[in-house]
Amino acid sequence: MKININRLVNNNPYKTQQQKQADLKHEKTAKTDKVEISPKAKEMQASNPVQKERLEKVNQIKRQVETGTYEVKPDQVAKKMRGFFQ
């Protein structure tokens, strides 16, 4: 029986796997996502009064947490949790 050494060298599964992983790494680094927000969307976001009120409320809560005056109301938390899980 004659053994062909050339065929054995080309069929190394370890090297094949290494090459596939190297190709995947290169492929992953080459892809990037890009997001562009239209001027109309920016205008709509800037004119939203609810967002401004929410930002003010968040800043107020942050100040309360920093000063140690923020208190959690367990009744309100329980009501919100019950509504969420129903």
PDB file of N, CA and C in Angstrom:
ATOM      1  N   MET A   1       0.847  -1.175   0.000  1.00  0.00           N
ATOM      2  CA  MET A   1       0.000   0.000   0.000  1.00  0.00           C
ATOM      3  C   MET A   1       0.892   1.237   0.000  1.00  0.00           C
ATOM      4  N   LYS A   2       0.597   2.155  -0.869  1.00  0.00           N
ATOM      5  CA  LYS A   2       1.398   3.358  -0.995  1.00  0.00           C
ATOM      6  C   LYS A   2       0.703   4.506  -0.264  1.00  0.00           C
ATOM      7  N   ILE A   3       1.433   5.242   0.556  1.00  0.00           N
ATOM      8  CA  ILE A   3       0.883   6.373   1.309  1.00  0.00           C
ATOM      9  C   ILE A   3       1.346   7.663   0.652  1.00  0.00           C
ATOM     10  N   ASN A   4       0.388   8.526   0.375  1.00  0.00           N
ATOM     11  CA  ASN A   4       0.693   9.813  -0.238  1.00  0.00           C
ATOM     12  C   ASN A   4       0.826  10.858   0.876  1.00  0.00           C
ATOM     13  N   ILE A   5       2.033  11.313   1.138  1.00  0.00           N
ATOM     14  CA  ILE A   5       2.298  12.250   2.226  1.00  0.00           C
ATOM     15  C   ILE A   5       1.691  13.623   1.938  1.00  0.00           C
ATOM     16  N   ASN A   6       1.625  14.037   0.713  1.00  0.00           N
ATOM     17  CA  ASN A   6       1.091  15.357   0.363  1.00  0.00           C
ATOM     18  C   ASN A   6      -0.363  15.513   0.790  1.00  0.00           C
ATOM     19  N   ARG A   7      -1.132  14.479   0.680  1.00  0.00           N
ATOM     20  CA  ARG A   7      -2.541  14.550   1.076  1.00  0.00           C
ATOM     21  C   ARG A   7      -2.687  14.693   2.585  1.00  0.00           C
ATOM     22  N   LEU A   8      -1.831  14.063   3.355  1.00  0.00           N
ATOM     23  CA  LEU A   8      -1.921  14.121   4.802  1.00  0.00           C
ATOM     24  C   LEU A   8      -1.599  15.518   5.330  1.00  0.00           C
ATOM     25  N   VAL A   9      -0.680  16.200   4.729  1.00  0.00           N
ATOM     26  CA  VAL A   9      -0.282  17.530   5.176  1.00  0.00           C
ATOM     27  C   VAL A   9      -1.403  18.540   4.932  1.00  0.00           C
ATOM     28  N   ASN A  10      -2.084  18.441   3.836  1.00  0.00           N
ATOM     29  CA  ASN A  10      -3.128  19.401   3.480  1.00  0.00           C
ATOM     30  C   ASN A  10      -4.424  19.185   4.246  1.00  0.00           C
ATOM     31  N   ASN A  11      -4.532  18.084   4.936  1.00  0.00           N
ATOM     32  CA  ASN A  11      -5.777  17.763   5.613  1.00  0.00           C
ATOM     33  C   ASN A  11      -5.607  17.829   7.130  1.00  0.00           C
ATOM     34  N   ASN A  12      -4.985  18.869   7.636  1.00  0.00           N
ATOM     35  CA  ASN A  12      -4.781  19.031   9.068  1.00  0.00           C
ATOM     36  C   ASN A  12      -5.951  19.846   9.626  1.00  0.00           C
ATOM     37  N   PRO A  13      -6.858  19.220  10.380  1.00  0.00           N
ATOM     38  CA  PRO A  13      -8.043  19.934  10.868  1.00  0.00           C
ATOM     39  C   PRO A  13      -7.700  21.067  11.838  1.00  0.00           C
ATOM     40  N   TYR A  14      -6.617  20.934  12.588  1.00  0.00           N
ATOM     41  CA  TYR A  14      -6.227  21.984  13.533  1.00  0.00           C
ATOM     42  C   TYR A  14      -5.857  23.269  12.788  1.00  0.00           C
ATOM     43  N   LYS A  15      -5.066  23.138  11.745  1.00  0.00           N
ATOM     44  CA  LYS A  15      -4.671  24.316  10.968  1.00  0.00           C
ATOM     45  C   LYS A  15      -5.869  24.898  10.223  1.00  0.00           C
ATOM     46  N   THR A  16      -6.752  24.047   9.759  1.00  0.00           N
ATOM     47  CA  THR A  16      -7.954  24.530   9.080  1.00  0.00           C
ATOM     48  C   THR A  16      -8.803  25.354  10.036  1.00  0.00           C
ATOM     49  N   GLN A  17      -8.956  24.882  11.267  1.00  0.00           N
ATOM     50  CA  GLN A  17      -9.738  25.604  12.274  1.00  0.00           C
ATOM     51  C   GLN A  17      -9.076  26.937  12.610  1.00  0.00           C
ATOM     52  N   GLN A  18      -7.750  26.940  12.737  1.00  0.00           N
ATOM     53  CA  GLN A  18      -7.037  28.186  13.021  1.00  0.00           C
ATOM     54  C   GLN A  18      -7.261  29.207  11.910  1.00  0.00           C
ATOM     55  N   GLN A  19      -7.225  28.754  10.691  1.00  0.00           N
ATOM     56  CA  GLN A  19      -7.419  29.660   9.562  1.00  0.00           C
ATOM     57  C   GLN A  19      -8.835  30.230   9.560  1.00  0.00           C
ATOM     58  N   LYS A  20      -9.820  29.399   9.876  1.00  0.00           N
ATOM     59  CA  LYS A  20     -11.204  29.869   9.930  1.00  0.00           C
ATOM     60  C   LYS A  20     -11.373  30.926  11.016  1.00  0.00           C
ATOM     61  N   GLN A  21     -10.766  30.693  12.185  1.00  0.00           N
ATOM     62  CA  GLN A  21     -10.867  31.659  13.275  1.00  0.00           C
ATOM     63  C   GLN A  21     -10.181  32.971  12.914  1.00  0.00           C
ATOM     64  N   ALA A  22      -9.051  32.901  12.257  1.00  0.00           N
ATOM     65  CA  ALA A  22      -8.349  34.115  11.841  1.00  0.00           C
ATOM     66  C   ALA A  22      -9.186  34.893  10.832  1.00  0.00           C
ATOM     67  N   ASP A  23      -9.833  34.186   9.923  1.00  0.00           N
ATOM     68  CA  ASP A  23     -10.698  34.845   8.942  1.00  0.00           C
ATOM     69  C   ASP A  23     -11.884  35.515   9.623  1.00  0.00           C
ATOM     70  N   LEU A  24     -12.469  34.847  10.628  1.00  0.00           N
ATOM     71  CA  LEU A  24     -13.600  35.422  11.345  1.00  0.00           C
ATOM     72  C   LEU A  24     -13.196  36.675  12.112  1.00  0.00           C
ATOM     73  N   LYS A  25     -12.029  36.664  12.750  1.00  0.00           N
ATOM     74  CA  LYS A  25     -11.560  37.841  13.481  1.00  0.00           C
ATOM     75  C   LYS A  25     -11.391  39.023  12.534  1.00  0.00           C
ATOM     76  N   HIS A  26     -10.819  38.758  11.392  1.00  0.00           N
ATOM     77  CA  HIS A  26     -10.615  39.821  10.410  1.00  0.00           C
ATOM     78  C   HIS A  26     -11.958  40.336   9.894  1.00  0.00           C
ATOM     79  N   GLU A  27     -12.876  39.428   9.693  1.00  0.00           N
ATOM     80  CA  GLU A  27     -14.199  39.798   9.187  1.00  0.00           C
ATOM     81  C   GLU A  27     -14.964  40.632  10.213  1.00  0.00           C
ATOM     82  N   LYS A  28     -14.855  40.274  11.496  1.00  0.00           N
ATOM     83  CA  LYS A  28     -15.562  41.004  12.545  1.00  0.00           C
ATOM     84  C   LYS A  28     -15.025  42.418  12.695  1.00  0.00           C
ATOM     85  N   THR A  29     -13.735  42.595  12.584  1.00  0.00           N
ATOM     86  CA  THR A  29     -13.168  43.925  12.751  1.00  0.00           C
ATOM     87  C   THR A  29     -13.453  44.811  11.551  1.00  0.00           C
ATOM     88  N   ALA A  30     -13.710  44.226  10.414  1.00  0.00           N
ATOM     89  CA  ALA A  30     -13.947  45.015   9.212  1.00  0.00           C
ATOM     90  C   ALA A  30     -15.355  45.612   9.187  1.00  0.00           C
ATOM     91  N   LYS A  31     -16.312  44.996   9.857  1.00  0.00           N
ATOM     92  CA  LYS A  31     -17.688  45.468   9.821  1.00  0.00           C
ATOM     93  C   LYS A  31     -17.920  46.513  10.903  1.00  0.00           C
ATOM     94  N   THR A  32     -18.557  47.610  10.524  1.00  0.00           N
ATOM     95  CA  THR A  32     -18.934  48.637  11.494  1.00  0.00           C
ATOM     96  C   THR A  32     -20.344  49.105  11.183  1.00  0.00           C
ATOM     97  N   ASP A  33     -21.034  49.537  12.217  1.00  0.00           N
ATOM     98  CA  ASP A  33     -22.375  50.071  12.055  1.00  0.00           C
ATOM     99  C   ASP A  33     -22.319  51.579  12.128  1.00  0.00           C
ATOM    100  N   LYS A  34     -23.236  52.211  11.417  1.00  0.00           N
ATOM    101  CA  LYS A  34     -23.282  53.663  11.422  1.00  0.00           C
ATOM    102  C   LYS A  34     -24.742  54.089  11.508  1.00  0.00           C
ATOM    103  N   VAL A  35     -25.010  55.025  12.406  1.00  0.00           N
ATOM    104  CA  VAL A  35     -26.367  55.518  12.592  1.00  0.00           C
ATOM    105  C   VAL A  35     -26.370  57.015  12.339  1.00  0.00           C
ATOM    106  N   GLU A  36     -27.327  57.456  11.554  1.00  0.00           N
ATOM    107  CA  GLU A  36     -27.484  58.884  11.306  1.00  0.00           C
ATOM    108  C   GLU A  36     -28.902  59.278  11.682  1.00  0.00           C
ATOM    109  N   ILE A  37     -29.010  60.319  12.493  1.00  0.00           N
ATOM    110  CA  ILE A  37     -30.320  60.820  12.901  1.00  0.00           C
ATOM    111  C   ILE A  37     -30.661  61.999  12.004  1.00  0.00           C
ATOM    112  N   SER A  38     -31.833  61.943  11.422  1.00  0.00           N
ATOM    113  CA  SER A  38     -32.238  62.989  10.484  1.00  0.00           C
ATOM    114  C   SER A  38     -32.469  64.308  11.215  1.00  0.00           C
ATOM    115  N   PRO A  39     -32.361  65.417  10.500  1.00  0.00           N
ATOM    116  CA  PRO A  39     -32.623  66.722  11.117  1.00  0.00           C
ATOM    117  C   PRO A  39     -34.047  66.830  11.662  1.00  0.00           C
ATOM    118  N   LYS A  40     -34.994  66.208  10.987  1.00  0.00           N
ATOM    119  CA  LYS A  40     -36.384  66.232  11.444  1.00  0.00           C
ATOM    120  C   LYS A  40     -36.516  65.518  12.790  1.00  0.00           C
ATOM    121  N   ALA A  41     -35.846  64.380  12.933  1.00  0.00           N
ATOM    122  CA  ALA A  41     -35.898  63.641  14.198  1.00  0.00           C
ATOM    123  C   ALA A  41     -35.245  64.437  15.318  1.00  0.00           C
ATOM    124  N   LYS A  42     -34.143  65.112  15.015  1.00  0.00           N
ATOM    125  CA  LYS A  42     -33.489  65.953  16.018  1.00  0.00           C
ATOM    126  C   LYS A  42     -34.406  67.088  16.449  1.00  0.00           C
ATOM    127  N   GLU A  43     -35.112  67.655  15.487  1.00  0.00           N
ATOM    128  CA  GLU A  43     -36.052  68.744  15.785  1.00  0.00           C
ATOM    129  C   GLU A  43     -37.188  68.244  16.674  1.00  0.00           C
ATOM    130  N   MET A  44     -37.707  67.067  16.351  1.00  0.00           N
ATOM    131  CA  MET A  44     -38.793  66.499  17.146  1.00  0.00           C
ATOM    132  C   MET A  44     -38.320  66.196  18.564  1.00  0.00           C
ATOM    133  N   GLN A  45     -37.111  65.716  18.699  1.00  0.00           N
ATOM    134  CA  GLN A  45     -36.579  65.389  20.016  1.00  0.00           C
ATOM    135  C   GLN A  45     -36.366  66.652  20.847  1.00  0.00           C
ATOM    136  N   ALA A  46     -35.912  67.705  20.225  1.00  0.00           N
ATOM    137  CA  ALA A  46     -35.652  68.951  20.948  1.00  0.00           C
ATOM    138  C   ALA A  46     -36.944  69.620  21.398  1.00  0.00           C
ATOM    139  N   SER A  47     -38.016  69.444  20.646  1.00  0.00           N
ATOM    140  CA  SER A  47     -39.267  70.121  20.972  1.00  0.00           C
ATOM    141  C   SER A  47     -40.168  69.302  21.890  1.00  0.00           C
ATOM    142  N   ASN A  48     -39.697  68.167  22.385  1.00  0.00           N
ATOM    143  CA  ASN A  48     -40.505  67.298  23.224  1.00  0.00           C
ATOM    144  C   ASN A  48     -40.479  67.805  24.672  1.00  0.00           C
ATOM    145  N   PRO A  49     -41.584  68.402  25.167  1.00  0.00           N
ATOM    146  CA  PRO A  49     -41.584  68.948  26.530  1.00  0.00           C
ATOM    147  C   PRO A  49     -41.552  67.866  27.612  1.00  0.00           C
ATOM    148  N   VAL A  50     -42.057  66.688  27.307  1.00  0.00           N
ATOM    149  CA  VAL A  50     -42.069  65.601  28.289  1.00  0.00           C
ATOM    150  C   VAL A  50     -40.637  65.201  28.638  1.00  0.00           C
ATOM    151  N   GLN A  51     -39.787  65.180  27.646  1.00  0.00           N
ATOM    152  CA  GLN A  51     -38.400  64.789  27.885  1.00  0.00           C
ATOM    153  C   GLN A  51     -37.709  65.801  28.801  1.00  0.00           C
ATOM    154  N   LYS A  52     -37.995  67.081  28.622  1.00  0.00           N
ATOM    155  CA  LYS A  52     -37.393  68.110  29.473  1.00  0.00           C
ATOM    156  C   LYS A  52     -37.855  67.944  30.921  1.00  0.00           C
ATOM    157  N   GLU A  53     -39.152  67.676  31.105  1.00  0.00           N
ATOM    158  CA  GLU A  53     -39.687  67.469  32.452  1.00  0.00           C
ATOM    159  C   GLU A  53     -39.057  66.236  33.098  1.00  0.00           C
ATOM    160  N   ARG A  54     -38.908  65.189  32.311  1.00  0.00           N
ATOM    161  CA  ARG A  54     -38.320  63.953  32.835  1.00  0.00           C
ATOM    162  C   ARG A  54     -36.864  64.184  33.237  1.00  0.00           C
ATOM    163  N   LEU A  55     -36.141  64.943  32.435  1.00  0.00           N
ATOM    164  CA  LEU A  55     -34.752  65.244  32.745  1.00  0.00           C
ATOM    165  C   LEU A  55     -34.650  66.032  34.048  1.00  0.00           C
ATOM    166  N   GLU A  56     -35.549  66.971  34.243  1.00  0.00           N
ATOM    167  CA  GLU A  56     -35.572  67.740  35.483  1.00  0.00           C
ATOM    168  C   GLU A  56     -35.844  66.827  36.685  1.00  0.00           C
ATOM    169  N   LYS A  57     -36.790  65.901  36.505  1.00  0.00           N
ATOM    170  CA  LYS A  57     -37.128  64.977  37.588  1.00  0.00           C
ATOM    171  C   LYS A  57     -35.942  64.063  37.917  1.00  0.00           C
ATOM    172  N   VAL A  58     -35.270  63.579  36.893  1.00  0.00           N
ATOM    173  CA  VAL A  58     -34.105  62.712  37.097  1.00  0.00           C
ATOM    174  C   VAL A  58     -33.003  63.470  37.829  1.00  0.00           C
ATOM    175  N   ASN A  59     -32.764  64.710  37.426  1.00  0.00           N
ATOM    176  CA  ASN A  59     -31.735  65.515  38.098  1.00  0.00           C
ATOM    177  C   ASN A  59     -32.096  65.777  39.557  1.00  0.00           C
ATOM    178  N   GLN A  60     -33.376  65.990  39.824  1.00  0.00           N
ATOM    179  CA  GLN A  60     -33.829  66.210  41.197  1.00  0.00           C
ATOM    180  C   GLN A  60     -33.581  64.959  42.044  1.00  0.00           C
ATOM    181  N   ILE A  61     -33.907  63.801  41.502  1.00  0.00           N
ATOM    182  CA  ILE A  61     -33.693  62.545  42.233  1.00  0.00           C
ATOM    183  C   ILE A  61     -32.200  62.312  42.457  1.00  0.00           C
ATOM    184  N   LYS A  62     -31.370  62.631  41.463  1.00  0.00           N
ATOM    185  CA  LYS A  62     -29.921  62.484  41.630  1.00  0.00           C
ATOM    186  C   LYS A  62     -29.415  63.343  42.781  1.00  0.00           C
ATOM    187  N   ARG A  63     -29.902  64.580  42.854  1.00  0.00           N
ATOM    188  CA  ARG A  63     -29.487  65.471  43.945  1.00  0.00           C
ATOM    189  C   ARG A  63     -29.916  64.902  45.298  1.00  0.00           C
ATOM    190  N   GLN A  64     -31.138  64.361  45.356  1.00  0.00           N
ATOM    191  CA  GLN A  64     -31.624  63.779  46.605  1.00  0.00           C
ATOM    192  C   GLN A  64     -30.787  62.574  47.020  1.00  0.00           C
ATOM    193  N   VAL A  65     -30.410  61.746  46.061  1.00  0.00           N
ATOM    194  CA  VAL A  65     -29.588  60.572  46.365  1.00  0.00           C
ATOM    195  C   VAL A  65     -28.216  61.012  46.871  1.00  0.00           C
ATOM    196  N   GLU A  66     -27.637  62.022  46.227  1.00  0.00           N
ATOM    197  CA  GLU A  66     -26.314  62.505  46.632  1.00  0.00           C
ATOM    198  C   GLU A  66     -26.331  63.092  48.044  1.00  0.00           C
ATOM    199  N   THR A  67     -27.411  63.790  48.388  1.00  0.00           N
ATOM    200  CA  THR A  67     -27.482  64.410  49.713  1.00  0.00           C
ATOM    201  C   THR A  67     -28.010  63.454  50.773  1.00  0.00           C
ATOM    202  N   GLY A  68     -28.550  62.314  50.351  1.00  0.00           N
ATOM    203  CA  GLY A  68     -29.054  61.325  51.298  1.00  0.00           C
ATOM    204  C   GLY A  68     -30.477  61.587  51.748  1.00  0.00           C
ATOM    205  N   THR A  69     -31.219  62.415  51.019  1.00  0.00           N
ATOM    206  CA  THR A  69     -32.594  62.727  51.406  1.00  0.00           C
ATOM    207  C   THR A  69     -33.627  61.958  50.582  1.00  0.00           C
ATOM    208  N   TYR A  70     -33.176  61.122  49.650  1.00  0.00           N
ATOM    209  CA  TYR A  70     -34.117  60.374  48.812  1.00  0.00           C
ATOM    210  C   TYR A  70     -34.702  59.218  49.611  1.00  0.00           C
ATOM    211  N   GLU A  71     -36.021  59.104  49.593  1.00  0.00           N
ATOM    212  CA  GLU A  71     -36.704  58.029  50.302  1.00  0.00           C
ATOM    213  C   GLU A  71     -37.548  57.223  49.320  1.00  0.00           C
ATOM    214  N   VAL A  72     -37.426  55.916  49.409  1.00  0.00           N
ATOM    215  CA  VAL A  72     -38.213  55.015  48.572  1.00  0.00           C
ATOM    216  C   VAL A  72     -39.554  54.800  49.244  1.00  0.00           C
ATOM    217  N   LYS A  73     -40.623  54.931  48.468  1.00  0.00           N
ATOM    218  CA  LYS A  73     -41.971  54.711  48.995  1.00  0.00           C
ATOM    219  C   LYS A  73     -42.383  53.283  48.633  1.00  0.00           C
ATOM    220  N   PRO A  74     -42.381  52.375  49.606  1.00  0.00           N
ATOM    221  CA  PRO A  74     -42.629  50.959  49.311  1.00  0.00           C
ATOM    222  C   PRO A  74     -44.008  50.693  48.718  1.00  0.00           C
ATOM    223  N   ASP A  75     -45.015  51.475  49.101  1.00  0.00           N
ATOM    224  CA  ASP A  75     -46.358  51.264  48.557  1.00  0.00           C
ATOM    225  C   ASP A  75     -46.380  51.525  47.055  1.00  0.00           C
ATOM    226  N   GLN A  76     -45.739  52.600  46.630  1.00  0.00           N
ATOM    227  CA  GLN A  76     -45.711  52.924  45.204  1.00  0.00           C
ATOM    228  C   GLN A  76     -44.910  51.885  44.419  1.00  0.00           C
ATOM    229  N   VAL A  77     -43.812  51.422  44.990  1.00  0.00           N
ATOM    230  CA  VAL A  77     -43.002  50.401  44.325  1.00  0.00           C
ATOM    231  C   VAL A  77     -43.809  49.119  44.162  1.00  0.00           C
ATOM    232  N   ALA A  78     -44.532  48.724  45.201  1.00  0.00           N
ATOM    233  CA  ALA A  78     -45.337  47.501  45.144  1.00  0.00           C
ATOM    234  C   ALA A  78     -46.438  47.617  44.097  1.00  0.00           C
ATOM    235  N   LYS A  79     -47.089  48.778  44.018  1.00  0.00           N
ATOM    236  CA  LYS A  79     -48.149  48.972  43.023  1.00  0.00           C
ATOM    237  C   LYS A  79     -47.592  48.871  41.608  1.00  0.00           C
ATOM    238  N   LYS A  80     -46.448  49.496  41.367  1.00  0.00           N
ATOM    239  CA  LYS A  80     -45.837  49.449  40.032  1.00  0.00           C
ATOM    240  C   LYS A  80     -45.411  48.025  39.676  1.00  0.00           C
ATOM    241  N   MET A  81     -44.853  47.307  40.654  1.00  0.00           N
ATOM    242  CA  MET A  81     -44.426  45.932  40.388  1.00  0.00           C
ATOM    243  C   MET A  81     -45.626  45.040  40.107  1.00  0.00           C
ATOM    244  N   ARG A  82     -46.693  45.219  40.865  1.00  0.00           N
ATOM    245  CA  ARG A  82     -47.891  44.408  40.660  1.00  0.00           C
ATOM    246  C   ARG A  82     -48.475  44.676  39.273  1.00  0.00           C
ATOM    247  N   GLY A  83     -48.518  45.925  38.867  1.00  0.00           N
ATOM    248  CA  GLY A  83     -49.021  46.257  37.536  1.00  0.00           C
ATOM    249  C   GLY A  83     -48.136  45.713  36.431  1.00  0.00           C
ATOM    250  N   PHE A  84     -46.842  45.678  36.663  1.00  0.00           N
ATOM    251  CA  PHE A  84     -45.901  45.189  35.662  1.00  0.00           C
ATOM    252  C   PHE A  84     -46.029  43.688  35.460  1.00  0.00           C
ATOM    253  N   PHE A  85     -46.205  42.940  36.545  1.00  0.00           N
ATOM    254  CA  PHE A  85     -46.225  41.484  36.453  1.00  0.00           C
ATOM    255  C   PHE A  85     -47.607  40.908  36.172  1.00  0.00           C
ATOM    256  N   GLN A  86     -48.629  41.731  36.082  1.00  0.00           N
ATOM    257  CA  GLN A  86     -49.964  41.198  35.783  1.00  0.00           C
ATOM    258  C   GLN A  86     -50.214  41.153  34.313  1.00  0.00           C
TER     259      GLN A  86
END
